Amino acid sequence: MKQRVSDSATRGHEQRDAEADVLRALCTGECGAADRKAALARLADYDWQESEHRVVYNALARCSAKTGAAVRAELPAVATRMGFPDVEWNRYWGEETQQERGVESLNREIENLLKTRGAQEE
């Protein structure tokens, strides 16, 4: 029984990390506006593990900015208007080196996130 709880906790932690990676990729502008919109559509029915992740996703969905820098500038204001001024945005800006991954990497991360989430629900 202890092993089962530990495995479940580990999977939950890995899931939250995967969510943060996907959101970081969307916030840092690794992809263009059209790709970001497509990624957000793929995640529309996703059940976020952390409430802050849900807020970041919803802010991204409402963001009208097109470029990475403009998205980063607009997101805090969007979240504040939604009633969530205390998001730790530095967690989502990411490292400069992460911004080079591109849309293919983002799509793989989303696919893994959706698969992992589905496996947890079974």
PDB file of N, CA and C in Angstrom:
ATOM      1  N   MET A   1       0.824  -1.200   0.000  1.00  0.00           N
ATOM      2  CA  MET A   1       0.000   0.000   0.000  1.00  0.00           C
ATOM      3  C   MET A   1       0.862   1.255   0.000  1.00  0.00           C
ATOM      4  N   LYS A   2       1.938   1.257   0.802  1.00  0.00           N
ATOM      5  CA  LYS A   2       2.818   2.428   0.840  1.00  0.00           C
ATOM      6  C   LYS A   2       3.409   2.718  -0.523  1.00  0.00           C
ATOM      7  N   GLN A   3       3.807   1.657  -1.241  1.00  0.00           N
ATOM      8  CA  GLN A   3       4.394   1.838  -2.566  1.00  0.00           C
ATOM      9  C   GLN A   3       3.388   2.485  -3.513  1.00  0.00           C
ATOM     10  N   ARG A   4       2.147   2.069  -3.435  1.00  0.00           N
ATOM     11  CA  ARG A   4       1.106   2.600  -4.309  1.00  0.00           C
ATOM     12  C   ARG A   4       0.910   4.097  -4.061  1.00  0.00           C
ATOM     13  N   VAL A   5       0.878   4.510  -2.798  1.00  0.00           N
ATOM     14  CA  VAL A   5       0.736   5.923  -2.455  1.00  0.00           C
ATOM     15  C   VAL A   5       1.943   6.700  -2.948  1.00  0.00           C
ATOM     16  N   SER A   6       3.129   6.157  -2.754  1.00  0.00           N
ATOM     17  CA  SER A   6       4.351   6.817  -3.196  1.00  0.00           C
ATOM     18  C   SER A   6       4.370   6.965  -4.711  1.00  0.00           C
ATOM     19  N   ASP A   7       3.994   5.912  -5.439  1.00  0.00           N
ATOM     20  CA  ASP A   7       3.944   5.975  -6.899  1.00  0.00           C
ATOM     21  C   ASP A   7       2.952   7.025  -7.360  1.00  0.00           C
ATOM     22  N   SER A   8       1.813   7.083  -6.704  1.00  0.00           N
ATOM     23  CA  SER A   8       0.785   8.059  -7.054  1.00  0.00           C
ATOM     24  C   SER A   8       1.280   9.483  -6.803  1.00  0.00           C
ATOM     25  N   ALA A   9       1.946   9.687  -5.679  1.00  0.00           N
ATOM     26  CA  ALA A   9       2.485  11.017  -5.366  1.00  0.00           C
ATOM     27  C   ALA A   9       3.545  11.419  -6.372  1.00  0.00           C
ATOM     28  N   THR A  10       4.393  10.464  -6.764  1.00  0.00           N
ATOM     29  CA  THR A  10       5.440  10.739  -7.751  1.00  0.00           C
ATOM     30  C   THR A  10       4.820  11.104  -9.085  1.00  0.00           C
ATOM     31  N   ARG A  11       3.816  10.348  -9.512  1.00  0.00           N
ATOM     32  CA  ARG A  11       3.144  10.652 -10.786  1.00  0.00           C
ATOM     33  C   ARG A  11       2.481  12.026 -10.734  1.00  0.00           C
ATOM     34  N   GLY A  12       1.883  12.361  -9.582  1.00  0.00           N
ATOM     35  CA  GLY A  12       1.251  13.671  -9.438  1.00  0.00           C
ATOM     36  C   GLY A  12       2.267  14.791  -9.542  1.00  0.00           C
ATOM     37  N   HIS A  13       3.424  14.597  -8.920  1.00  0.00           N
ATOM     38  CA  HIS A  13       4.499  15.600  -8.996  1.00  0.00           C
ATOM     39  C   HIS A  13       5.006  15.722 -10.428  1.00  0.00           C
ATOM     40  N   GLU A  14       5.202  14.598 -11.097  1.00  0.00           N
ATOM     41  CA  GLU A  14       5.658  14.617 -12.485  1.00  0.00           C
ATOM     42  C   GLU A  14       4.630  15.306 -13.382  1.00  0.00           C
ATOM     43  N   GLN A  15       3.358  15.078 -13.104  1.00  0.00           N
ATOM     44  CA  GLN A  15       2.287  15.703 -13.883  1.00  0.00           C
ATOM     45  C   GLN A  15       2.319  17.215 -13.710  1.00  0.00           C
ATOM     46  N   ARG A  16       2.478  17.678 -12.481  1.00  0.00           N
ATOM     47  CA  ARG A  16       2.543  19.125 -12.235  1.00  0.00           C
ATOM     48  C   ARG A  16       3.773  19.735 -12.907  1.00  0.00           C
ATOM     49  N   ASP A  17       4.884  19.018 -12.893  1.00  0.00           N
ATOM     50  CA  ASP A  17       6.093  19.504 -13.575  1.00  0.00           C
ATOM     51  C   ASP A  17       5.863  19.590 -15.074  1.00  0.00           C
ATOM     52  N   ALA A  18       5.197  18.583 -15.630  1.00  0.00           N
ATOM     53  CA  ALA A  18       4.911  18.582 -17.064  1.00  0.00           C
ATOM     54  C   ALA A  18       3.972  19.738 -17.426  1.00  0.00           C
ATOM     55  N   GLU A  19       2.984  19.980 -16.583  1.00  0.00           N
ATOM     56  CA  GLU A  19       2.085  21.118 -16.807  1.00  0.00           C
ATOM     57  C   GLU A  19       2.872  22.424 -16.834  1.00  0.00           C
ATOM     58  N   ALA A  20       3.758  22.589 -15.851  1.00  0.00           N
ATOM     59  CA  ALA A  20       4.550  23.817 -15.771  1.00  0.00           C
ATOM     60  C   ALA A  20       5.440  23.971 -17.001  1.00  0.00           C
ATOM     61  N   ASP A  21       6.002  22.868 -17.499  1.00  0.00           N
ATOM     62  CA  ASP A  21       6.846  22.929 -18.702  1.00  0.00           C
ATOM     63  C   ASP A  21       6.049  23.414 -19.910  1.00  0.00           C
ATOM     64  N   VAL A  22       4.845  22.880 -20.065  1.00  0.00           N
ATOM     65  CA  VAL A  22       3.992  23.290 -21.195  1.00  0.00           C
ATOM     66  C   VAL A  22       3.618  24.763 -21.066  1.00  0.00           C
ATOM     67  N   LEU A  23       3.207  25.168 -19.888  1.00  0.00           N
ATOM     68  CA  LEU A  23       2.832  26.573 -19.679  1.00  0.00           C
ATOM     69  C   LEU A  23       4.030  27.496 -19.879  1.00  0.00           C
ATOM     70  N   ARG A  24       5.194  27.074 -19.426  1.00  0.00           N
ATOM     71  CA  ARG A  24       6.410  27.869 -19.612  1.00  0.00           C
ATOM     72  C   ARG A  24       6.693  28.057 -21.109  1.00  0.00           C
ATOM     73  N   ALA A  25       6.536  26.988 -21.873  1.00  0.00           N
ATOM     74  CA  ALA A  25       6.753  27.074 -23.313  1.00  0.00           C
ATOM     75  C   ALA A  25       5.769  28.052 -23.956  1.00  0.00           C
ATOM     76  N   LEU A  26       4.525  28.033 -23.502  1.00  0.00           N
ATOM     77  CA  LEU A  26       3.520  28.944 -24.056  1.00  0.00           C
ATOM     78  C   LEU A  26       3.768  30.391 -23.623  1.00  0.00           C
ATOM     79  N   CYS A  27       4.236  30.581 -22.409  1.00  0.00           N
ATOM     80  CA  CYS A  27       4.486  31.932 -21.895  1.00  0.00           C
ATOM     81  C   CYS A  27       5.745  32.569 -22.472  1.00  0.00           C
ATOM     82  N   THR A  28       6.731  31.759 -22.802  1.00  0.00           N
ATOM     83  CA  THR A  28       8.005  32.316 -23.268  1.00  0.00           C
ATOM     84  C   THR A  28       8.009  32.608 -24.753  1.00  0.00           C
ATOM     85  N   GLY A  29       6.970  32.236 -25.448  1.00  0.00           N
ATOM     86  CA  GLY A  29       6.895  32.549 -26.864  1.00  0.00           C
ATOM     87  C   GLY A  29       7.714  31.631 -27.736  1.00  0.00           C
ATOM     88  N   GLU A  30       7.842  30.363 -27.338  1.00  0.00           N
ATOM     89  CA  GLU A  30       8.581  29.393 -28.142  1.00  0.00           C
ATOM     90  C   GLU A  30       7.908  29.150 -29.485  1.00  0.00           C
ATOM     91  N   CYS A  31       6.654  29.479 -29.578  1.00  0.00           N
ATOM     92  CA  CYS A  31       5.916  29.263 -30.815  1.00  0.00           C
ATOM     93  C   CYS A  31       5.220  30.560 -31.202  1.00  0.00           C
ATOM     94  N   GLY A  32       4.788  30.636 -32.418  1.00  0.00           N
ATOM     95  CA  GLY A  32       4.079  31.818 -32.889  1.00  0.00           C
ATOM     96  C   GLY A  32       2.647  31.856 -32.373  1.00  0.00           C
ATOM     97  N   ALA A  33       1.969  32.930 -32.689  1.00  0.00           N
ATOM     98  CA  ALA A  33       0.604  33.128 -32.196  1.00  0.00           C
ATOM     99  C   ALA A  33      -0.345  32.017 -32.656  1.00  0.00           C
ATOM    100  N   ALA A  34      -0.232  31.599 -33.909  1.00  0.00           N
ATOM    101  CA  ALA A  34      -1.127  30.557 -34.424  1.00  0.00           C
ATOM    102  C   ALA A  34      -0.874  29.228 -33.723  1.00  0.00           C
ATOM    103  N   ASP A  35       0.398  28.896 -33.517  1.00  0.00           N
ATOM    104  CA  ASP A  35       0.728  27.656 -32.821  1.00  0.00           C
ATOM    105  C   ASP A  35       0.301  27.706 -31.357  1.00  0.00           C
ATOM    106  N   ARG A  36       0.453  28.869 -30.726  1.00  0.00           N
ATOM    107  CA  ARG A  36       0.022  29.025 -29.339  1.00  0.00           C
ATOM    108  C   ARG A  36      -1.492  28.831 -29.248  1.00  0.00           C
ATOM    109  N   LYS A  37      -2.217  29.414 -30.190  1.00  0.00           N
ATOM    110  CA  LYS A  37      -3.676  29.276 -30.207  1.00  0.00           C
ATOM    111  C   LYS A  37      -4.075  27.807 -30.383  1.00  0.00           C
ATOM    112  N   ALA A  38      -3.386  27.092 -31.264  1.00  0.00           N
ATOM    113  CA  ALA A  38      -3.677  25.673 -31.486  1.00  0.00           C
ATOM    114  C   ALA A  38      -3.367  24.856 -30.235  1.00  0.00           C
ATOM    115  N   ALA A  39      -2.253  25.163 -29.589  1.00  0.00           N
ATOM    116  CA  ALA A  39      -1.877  24.456 -28.359  1.00  0.00           C
ATOM    117  C   ALA A  39      -2.914  24.698 -27.268  1.00  0.00           C
ATOM    118  N   LEU A  40      -3.359  25.927 -27.128  1.00  0.00           N
ATOM    119  CA  LEU A  40      -4.367  26.247 -26.119  1.00  0.00           C
ATOM    120  C   LEU A  40      -5.676  25.520 -26.412  1.00  0.00           C
ATOM    121  N   ALA A  41      -6.028  25.395 -27.685  1.00  0.00           N
ATOM    122  CA  ALA A  41      -7.248  24.671 -28.054  1.00  0.00           C
ATOM    123  C   ALA A  41      -7.132  23.195 -27.677  1.00  0.00           C
ATOM    124  N   ARG A  42      -5.955  22.600 -27.883  1.00  0.00           N
ATOM    125  CA  ARG A  42      -5.746  21.196 -27.519  1.00  0.00           C
ATOM    126  C   ARG A  42      -5.897  20.983 -26.016  1.00  0.00           C
ATOM    127  N   LEU A  43      -5.590  22.011 -25.239  1.00  0.00           N
ATOM    128  CA  LEU A  43      -5.631  21.909 -23.783  1.00  0.00           C
ATOM    129  C   LEU A  43      -6.942  22.421 -23.176  1.00  0.00           C
ATOM    130  N   ALA A  44      -7.902  22.773 -24.013  1.00  0.00           N
ATOM    131  CA  ALA A  44      -9.136  23.403 -23.536  1.00  0.00           C
ATOM    132  C   ALA A  44      -9.881  22.559 -22.504  1.00  0.00           C
ATOM    133  N   ASP A  45      -9.887  21.257 -22.642  1.00  0.00           N
ATOM    134  CA  ASP A  45     -10.619  20.387 -21.722  1.00  0.00           C
ATOM    135  C   ASP A  45      -9.722  19.737 -20.676  1.00  0.00           C
ATOM    136  N   TYR A  46      -8.479  20.163 -20.632  1.00  0.00           N
ATOM    137  CA  TYR A  46      -7.525  19.555 -19.696  1.00  0.00           C
ATOM    138  C   TYR A  46      -7.849  19.984 -18.264  1.00  0.00           C
ATOM    139  N   ASP A  47      -7.754  19.054 -17.339  1.00  0.00           N
ATOM    140  CA  ASP A  47      -8.031  19.306 -15.916  1.00  0.00           C
ATOM    141  C   ASP A  47      -6.702  19.553 -15.209  1.00  0.00           C
ATOM    142  N   TRP A  48      -6.350  20.822 -15.013  1.00  0.00           N
ATOM    143  CA  TRP A  48      -5.065  21.215 -14.440  1.00  0.00           C
ATOM    144  C   TRP A  48      -4.954  20.752 -12.995  1.00  0.00           C
ATOM    145  N   GLN A  49      -3.792  20.232 -12.616  1.00  0.00           N
ATOM    146  CA  GLN A  49      -3.542  19.741 -11.269  1.00  0.00           C
ATOM    147  C   GLN A  49      -3.391  20.870 -10.261  1.00  0.00           C
ATOM    148  N   GLU A  50      -2.794  21.965 -10.667  1.00  0.00           N
ATOM    149  CA  GLU A  50      -2.588  23.102  -9.765  1.00  0.00           C
ATOM    150  C   GLU A  50      -3.490  24.251 -10.187  1.00  0.00           C
ATOM    151  N   SER A  51      -4.084  24.899  -9.201  1.00  0.00           N
ATOM    152  CA  SER A  51      -4.978  26.013  -9.514  1.00  0.00           C
ATOM    153  C   SER A  51      -4.234  27.142 -10.213  1.00  0.00           C
ATOM    154  N   GLU A  52      -2.975  27.388  -9.828  1.00  0.00           N
ATOM    155  CA  GLU A  52      -2.215  28.440 -10.506  1.00  0.00           C
ATOM    156  C   GLU A  52      -1.998  28.089 -11.975  1.00  0.00           C
ATOM    157  N   HIS A  53      -1.800  26.826 -12.282  1.00  0.00           N
ATOM    158  CA  HIS A  53      -1.651  26.420 -13.681  1.00  0.00           C
ATOM    159  C   HIS A  53      -2.929  26.724 -14.463  1.00  0.00           C
ATOM    160  N   ARG A  54      -4.067  26.488 -13.834  1.00  0.00           N
ATOM    161  CA  ARG A  54      -5.355  26.784 -14.481  1.00  0.00           C
ATOM    162  C   ARG A  54      -5.476  28.282 -14.754  1.00  0.00           C
ATOM    163  N   VAL A  55      -5.042  29.105 -13.799  1.00  0.00           N
ATOM    164  CA  VAL A  55      -5.086  30.563 -13.961  1.00  0.00           C
ATOM    165  C   VAL A  55      -4.181  30.990 -15.113  1.00  0.00           C
ATOM    166  N   VAL A  56      -2.967  30.440 -15.158  1.00  0.00           N
ATOM    167  CA  VAL A  56      -2.020  30.796 -16.225  1.00  0.00           C
ATOM    168  C   VAL A  56      -2.587  30.393 -17.589  1.00  0.00           C
ATOM    169  N   TYR A  57      -3.146  29.181 -17.668  1.00  0.00           N
ATOM    170  CA  TYR A  57      -3.763  28.747 -18.931  1.00  0.00           C
ATOM    171  C   TYR A  57      -4.880  29.702 -19.351  1.00  0.00           C
ATOM    172  N   ASN A  58      -5.775  30.031 -18.419  1.00  0.00           N
ATOM    173  CA  ASN A  58      -6.885  30.919 -18.752  1.00  0.00           C
ATOM    174  C   ASN A  58      -6.398  32.315 -19.145  1.00  0.00           C
ATOM    175  N   ALA A  59      -5.351  32.796 -18.492  1.00  0.00           N
ATOM    176  CA  ALA A  59      -4.776  34.098 -18.867  1.00  0.00           C
ATOM    177  C   ALA A  59      -4.190  34.031 -20.272  1.00  0.00           C
ATOM    178  N   LEU A  60      -3.503  32.939 -20.578  1.00  0.00           N
ATOM    179  CA  LEU A  60      -2.955  32.764 -21.929  1.00  0.00           C
ATOM    180  C   LEU A  60      -4.077  32.747 -22.973  1.00  0.00           C
ATOM    181  N   ALA A  61      -5.166  32.064 -22.650  1.00  0.00           N
ATOM    182  CA  ALA A  61      -6.294  31.967 -23.580  1.00  0.00           C
ATOM    183  C   ALA A  61      -6.929  33.334 -23.840  1.00  0.00           C
ATOM    184  N   ARG A  62      -6.863  34.221 -22.857  1.00  0.00           N
ATOM    185  CA  ARG A  62      -7.452  35.558 -22.991  1.00  0.00           C
ATOM    186  C   ARG A  62      -6.476  36.595 -23.535  1.00  0.00           C
ATOM    187  N   CYS A  63      -5.224  36.245 -23.598  1.00  0.00           N
ATOM    188  CA  CYS A  63      -4.171  37.180 -24.010  1.00  0.00           C
ATOM    189  C   CYS A  63      -4.272  37.457 -25.508  1.00  0.00           C
ATOM    190  N   SER A  64      -4.225  38.714 -25.873  1.00  0.00           N
ATOM    191  CA  SER A  64      -4.332  39.077 -27.285  1.00  0.00           C
ATOM    192  C   SER A  64      -2.980  39.346 -27.938  1.00  0.00           C
ATOM    193  N   ALA A  65      -1.917  39.346 -27.156  1.00  0.00           N
ATOM    194  CA  ALA A  65      -0.576  39.636 -27.681  1.00  0.00           C
ATOM    195  C   ALA A  65      -0.131  38.542 -28.646  1.00  0.00           C
ATOM    196  N   LYS A  66       0.739  38.912 -29.574  1.00  0.00           N
ATOM    197  CA  LYS A  66       1.195  37.978 -30.611  1.00  0.00           C
ATOM    198  C   LYS A  66       2.614  37.466 -30.375  1.00  0.00           C
ATOM    199  N   THR A  67       3.515  38.309 -29.886  1.00  0.00           N
ATOM    200  CA  THR A  67       4.911  37.909 -29.726  1.00  0.00           C
ATOM    201  C   THR A  67       5.183  37.484 -28.289  1.00  0.00           C
ATOM    202  N   GLY A  68       6.273  36.740 -28.102  1.00  0.00           N
ATOM    203  CA  GLY A  68       6.620  36.270 -26.772  1.00  0.00           C
ATOM    204  C   GLY A  68       6.772  37.391 -25.763  1.00  0.00           C
ATOM    205  N   ALA A  69       7.488  38.441 -26.149  1.00  0.00           N
ATOM    206  CA  ALA A  69       7.704  39.562 -25.225  1.00  0.00           C
ATOM    207  C   ALA A  69       6.391  40.253 -24.882  1.00  0.00           C
ATOM    208  N   ALA A  70       5.532  40.404 -25.862  1.00  0.00           N
ATOM    209  CA  ALA A  70       4.241  41.054 -25.629  1.00  0.00           C
ATOM    210  C   ALA A  70       3.337  40.169 -24.754  1.00  0.00           C
ATOM    211  N   VAL A  71       3.410  38.862 -24.963  1.00  0.00           N
ATOM    212  CA  VAL A  71       2.632  37.931 -24.140  1.00  0.00           C
ATOM    213  C   VAL A  71       3.075  38.056 -22.686  1.00  0.00           C
ATOM    214  N   ARG A  72       4.387  38.028 -22.462  1.00  0.00           N
ATOM    215  CA  ARG A  72       4.908  38.141 -21.092  1.00  0.00           C
ATOM    216  C   ARG A  72       4.514  39.467 -20.458  1.00  0.00           C
ATOM    217  N   ALA A  73       4.469  40.516 -21.249  1.00  0.00           N
ATOM    218  CA  ALA A  73       4.089  41.823 -20.710  1.00  0.00           C
ATOM    219  C   ALA A  73       2.602  41.874 -20.367  1.00  0.00           C
ATOM    220  N   GLU A  74       1.776  41.188 -21.131  1.00  0.00           N
ATOM    221  CA  GLU A  74       0.327  41.263 -20.964  1.00  0.00           C
ATOM    222  C   GLU A  74      -0.229  40.289 -19.919  1.00  0.00           C
ATOM    223  N   LEU A  75       0.393  39.143 -19.755  1.00  0.00           N
ATOM    224  CA  LEU A  75      -0.170  38.104 -18.881  1.00  0.00           C
ATOM    225  C   LEU A  75      -0.455  38.546 -17.445  1.00  0.00           C
ATOM    226  N   PRO A  76       0.467  39.225 -16.768  1.00  0.00           N
ATOM    227  CA  PRO A  76       0.145  39.628 -15.391  1.00  0.00           C
ATOM    228  C   PRO A  76      -1.097  40.509 -15.286  1.00  0.00           C
ATOM    229  N   ALA A  77      -1.274  41.409 -16.238  1.00  0.00           N
ATOM    230  CA  ALA A  77      -2.457  42.274 -16.218  1.00  0.00           C
ATOM    231  C   ALA A  77      -3.724  41.468 -16.479  1.00  0.00           C
ATOM    232  N   VAL A  78      -3.653  40.518 -17.403  1.00  0.00           N
ATOM    233  CA  VAL A  78      -4.814  39.674 -17.695  1.00  0.00           C
ATOM    234  C   VAL A  78      -5.204  38.875 -16.451  1.00  0.00           C
ATOM    235  N   ALA A  79      -4.223  38.262 -15.803  1.00  0.00           N
ATOM    236  CA  ALA A  79      -4.517  37.472 -14.599  1.00  0.00           C
ATOM    237  C   ALA A  79      -5.080  38.354 -13.479  1.00  0.00           C
ATOM    238  N   THR A  80      -4.554  39.553 -13.353  1.00  0.00           N
ATOM    239  CA  THR A  80      -5.052  40.474 -12.326  1.00  0.00           C
ATOM    240  C   THR A  80      -6.511  40.838 -12.603  1.00  0.00           C
ATOM    241  N   ARG A  81      -6.842  41.116 -13.854  1.00  0.00           N
ATOM    242  CA  ARG A  81      -8.238  41.422 -14.215  1.00  0.00           C
ATOM    243  C   ARG A  81      -9.155  40.230 -13.950  1.00  0.00           C
ATOM    244  N   MET A  82      -8.588  39.013 -14.027  1.00  0.00           N
ATOM    245  CA  MET A  82      -9.357  37.799 -13.734  1.00  0.00           C
ATOM    246  C   MET A  82      -9.533  37.603 -12.227  1.00  0.00           C
ATOM    247  N   GLY A  83      -8.813  38.402 -11.422  1.00  0.00           N
ATOM    248  CA  GLY A  83      -8.920  38.292  -9.975  1.00  0.00           C
ATOM    249  C   GLY A  83      -7.771  37.537  -9.324  1.00  0.00           C
ATOM    250  N   PHE A  84      -6.680  37.333 -10.074  1.00  0.00           N
ATOM    251  CA  PHE A  84      -5.537  36.573  -9.577  1.00  0.00           C
ATOM    252  C   PHE A  84      -4.238  37.371  -9.740  1.00  0.00           C
ATOM    253  N   PRO A  85      -4.013  38.345  -8.862  1.00  0.00           N
ATOM    254  CA  PRO A  85      -2.826  39.194  -8.999  1.00  0.00           C
ATOM    255  C   PRO A  85      -1.534  38.566  -8.477  1.00  0.00           C
ATOM    256  N   ASP A  86      -1.618  37.426  -7.786  1.00  0.00           N
ATOM    257  CA  ASP A  86      -0.456  36.878  -7.094  1.00  0.00           C
ATOM    258  C   ASP A  86       0.201  35.690  -7.784  1.00  0.00           C
ATOM    259  N   VAL A  87       0.058  35.570  -9.076  1.00  0.00           N
ATOM    260  CA  VAL A  87       0.712  34.479  -9.808  1.00  0.00           C
ATOM    261  C   VAL A  87       2.226  34.703  -9.767  1.00  0.00           C
ATOM    262  N   GLU A  88       2.969  33.645  -9.540  1.00  0.00           N
ATOM    263  CA  GLU A  88       4.437  33.707  -9.532  1.00  0.00           C
ATOM    264  C   GLU A  88       4.939  33.603 -10.974  1.00  0.00           C
ATOM    265  N   TRP A  89       4.891  34.692 -11.696  1.00  0.00           N
ATOM    266  CA  TRP A  89       5.194  34.678 -13.126  1.00  0.00           C
ATOM    267  C   TRP A  89       6.614  34.244 -13.450  1.00  0.00           C
ATOM    268  N   ASN A  90       7.555  34.483 -12.564  1.00  0.00           N
ATOM    269  CA  ASN A  90       8.936  34.074 -12.834  1.00  0.00           C
ATOM    270  C   ASN A  90       9.059  32.566 -13.040  1.00  0.00           C
ATOM    271  N   ARG A  91       8.135  31.807 -12.499  1.00  0.00           N
ATOM    272  CA  ARG A  91       8.129  30.348 -12.717  1.00  0.00           C
ATOM    273  C   ARG A  91       7.807  29.999 -14.168  1.00  0.00           C
ATOM    274  N   TYR A  92       7.165  30.912 -14.870  1.00  0.00           N
ATOM    275  CA  TYR A  92       6.689  30.618 -16.225  1.00  0.00           C
ATOM    276  C   TYR A  92       7.490  31.307 -17.319  1.00  0.00           C
ATOM    277  N   TRP A  93       8.364  32.209 -16.951  1.00  0.00           N
ATOM    278  CA  TRP A  93       9.157  32.873 -17.985  1.00  0.00           C
ATOM    279  C   TRP A  93      10.251  31.957 -18.501  1.00  0.00           C
ATOM    280  N   GLY A  94      10.781  31.090 -17.657  1.00  0.00           N
ATOM    281  CA  GLY A  94      11.756  30.096 -18.090  1.00  0.00           C
ATOM    282  C   GLY A  94      13.138  30.662 -18.338  1.00  0.00           C
ATOM    283  N   GLU A  95      14.022  29.757 -18.645  1.00  0.00           N
ATOM    284  CA  GLU A  95      15.401  30.103 -18.970  1.00  0.00           C
ATOM    285  C   GLU A  95      15.481  30.480 -20.439  1.00  0.00           C
ATOM    286  N   GLU A  96      16.427  31.326 -20.769  1.00  0.00           N
ATOM    287  CA  GLU A  96      16.623  31.716 -22.169  1.00  0.00           C
ATOM    288  C   GLU A  96      16.889  30.487 -23.039  1.00  0.00           C
ATOM    289  N   THR A  97      17.622  29.507 -22.531  1.00  0.00           N
ATOM    290  CA  THR A  97      17.951  28.331 -23.329  1.00  0.00           C
ATOM    291  C   THR A  97      16.712  27.499 -23.647  1.00  0.00           C
ATOM    292  N   GLN A  98      15.699  27.562 -22.800  1.00  0.00           N
ATOM    293  CA  GLN A  98      14.486  26.792 -23.053  1.00  0.00           C
ATOM    294  C   GLN A  98      13.697  27.364 -24.224  1.00  0.00           C
ATOM    295  N   GLN A  99      13.911  28.604 -24.555  1.00  0.00           N
ATOM    296  CA  GLN A  99      13.115  29.229 -25.590  1.00  0.00           C
ATOM    297  C   GLN A  99      13.464  28.736 -26.984  1.00  0.00           C
ATOM    298  N   GLU A 100      14.520  27.965 -27.128  1.00  0.00           N
ATOM    299  CA  GLU A 100      14.952  27.488 -28.428  1.00  0.00           C
ATOM    300  C   GLU A 100      14.319  26.158 -28.826  1.00  0.00           C
ATOM    301  N   ARG A 101      13.450  25.600 -28.015  1.00  0.00           N
ATOM    302  CA  ARG A 101      12.924  24.270 -28.282  1.00  0.00           C
ATOM    303  C   ARG A 101      11.972  24.228 -29.466  1.00  0.00           C
ATOM    304  N   GLY A 102      11.166  25.217 -29.645  1.00  0.00           N
ATOM    305  CA  GLY A 102      10.282  25.285 -30.794  1.00  0.00           C
ATOM    306  C   GLY A 102       8.962  24.561 -30.632  1.00  0.00           C
ATOM    307  N   VAL A 103       8.156  24.671 -31.670  1.00  0.00           N
ATOM    308  CA  VAL A 103       6.783  24.176 -31.638  1.00  0.00           C
ATOM    309  C   VAL A 103       6.723  22.646 -31.627  1.00  0.00           C
ATOM    310  N   GLU A 104       7.675  21.970 -32.273  1.00  0.00           N
ATOM    311  CA  GLU A 104       7.660  20.507 -32.261  1.00  0.00           C
ATOM    312  C   GLU A 104       7.811  19.979 -30.837  1.00  0.00           C
ATOM    313  N   SER A 105       8.722  20.584 -30.108  1.00  0.00           N
ATOM    314  CA  SER A 105       8.924  20.194 -28.717  1.00  0.00           C
ATOM    315  C   SER A 105       7.674  20.477 -27.882  1.00  0.00           C
ATOM    316  N   LEU A 106       7.071  21.625 -28.111  1.00  0.00           N
ATOM    317  CA  LEU A 106       5.841  21.975 -27.394  1.00  0.00           C
ATOM    318  C   LEU A 106       4.753  20.948 -27.677  1.00  0.00           C
ATOM    319  N   ASN A 107       4.577  20.572 -28.930  1.00  0.00           N
ATOM    320  CA  ASN A 107       3.553  19.587 -29.280  1.00  0.00           C
ATOM    321  C   ASN A 107       3.814  18.237 -28.619  1.00  0.00           C
ATOM    322  N   ARG A 108       5.079  17.822 -28.550  1.00  0.00           N
ATOM    323  CA  ARG A 108       5.412  16.572 -27.862  1.00  0.00           C
ATOM    324  C   ARG A 108       5.080  16.669 -26.376  1.00  0.00           C
ATOM    325  N   GLU A 109       5.413  17.810 -25.771  1.00  0.00           N
ATOM    326  CA  GLU A 109       5.126  17.994 -24.347  1.00  0.00           C
ATOM    327  C   GLU A 109       3.628  17.957 -24.077  1.00  0.00           C
ATOM    328  N   ILE A 110       2.848  18.594 -24.938  1.00  0.00           N
ATOM    329  CA  ILE A 110       1.386  18.576 -24.766  1.00  0.00           C
ATOM    330  C   ILE A 110       0.866  17.155 -24.923  1.00  0.00           C
ATOM    331  N   GLU A 111       1.349  16.444 -25.936  1.00  0.00           N
ATOM    332  CA  GLU A 111       0.908  15.071 -26.161  1.00  0.00           C
ATOM    333  C   GLU A 111       1.230  14.196 -24.941  1.00  0.00           C
ATOM    334  N   ASN A 112       2.428  14.335 -24.411  1.00  0.00           N
ATOM    335  CA  ASN A 112       2.805  13.566 -23.216  1.00  0.00           C
ATOM    336  C   ASN A 112       1.949  13.952 -22.019  1.00  0.00           C
ATOM    337  N   LEU A 113       1.674  15.233 -21.881  1.00  0.00           N
ATOM    338  CA  LEU A 113       0.846  15.708 -20.777  1.00  0.00           C
ATOM    339  C   LEU A 113      -0.551  15.103 -20.860  1.00  0.00           C
ATOM    340  N   LEU A 114      -1.139  15.117 -22.035  1.00  0.00           N
ATOM    341  CA  LEU A 114      -2.482  14.576 -22.212  1.00  0.00           C
ATOM    342  C   LEU A 114      -2.503  13.061 -21.999  1.00  0.00           C
ATOM    343  N   LYS A 115      -1.468  12.359 -22.471  1.00  0.00           N
ATOM    344  CA  LYS A 115      -1.391  10.916 -22.270  1.00  0.00           C
ATOM    345  C   LYS A 115      -1.241  10.578 -20.792  1.00  0.00           C
ATOM    346  N   THR A 116      -0.350  11.287 -20.129  1.00  0.00           N
ATOM    347  CA  THR A 116      -0.098  11.044 -18.707  1.00  0.00           C
ATOM    348  C   THR A 116      -1.363  11.281 -17.905  1.00  0.00           C
ATOM    349  N   ARG A 117      -2.047  12.355 -18.202  1.00  0.00           N
ATOM    350  CA  ARG A 117      -3.276  12.692 -17.476  1.00  0.00           C
ATOM    351  C   ARG A 117      -4.323  11.610 -17.704  1.00  0.00           C
ATOM    352  N   GLY A 118      -4.442  11.135 -18.935  1.00  0.00           N
ATOM    353  CA  GLY A 118      -5.399  10.087 -19.242  1.00  0.00           C
ATOM    354  C   GLY A 118      -5.081   8.797 -18.507  1.00  0.00           C
ATOM    355  N   ALA A 119      -3.795   8.462 -18.399  1.00  0.00           N
ATOM    356  CA  ALA A 119      -3.379   7.249 -17.708  1.00  0.00           C
ATOM    357  C   ALA A 119      -3.690   7.334 -16.224  1.00  0.00           C
ATOM    358  N   GLN A 120      -3.590   8.520 -15.643  1.00  0.00           N
ATOM    359  CA  GLN A 120      -3.886   8.683 -14.225  1.00  0.00           C
ATOM    360  C   GLN A 120      -5.365   8.512 -13.937  1.00  0.00           C
ATOM    361  N   GLU A 121      -6.201   8.830 -14.886  1.00  0.00           N
ATOM    362  CA  GLU A 121      -7.645   8.753 -14.682  1.00  0.00           C
ATOM    363  C   GLU A 121      -8.160   7.318 -14.805  1.00  0.00           C
ATOM    364  N   GLU A 122      -7.373   6.435 -15.421  1.00  0.00           N
ATOM    365  CA  GLU A 122      -7.827   5.055 -15.613  1.00  0.00           C
ATOM    366  C   GLU A 122      -7.760   4.259 -14.343  1.00  0.00           C
TER     367      GLU A 122
END
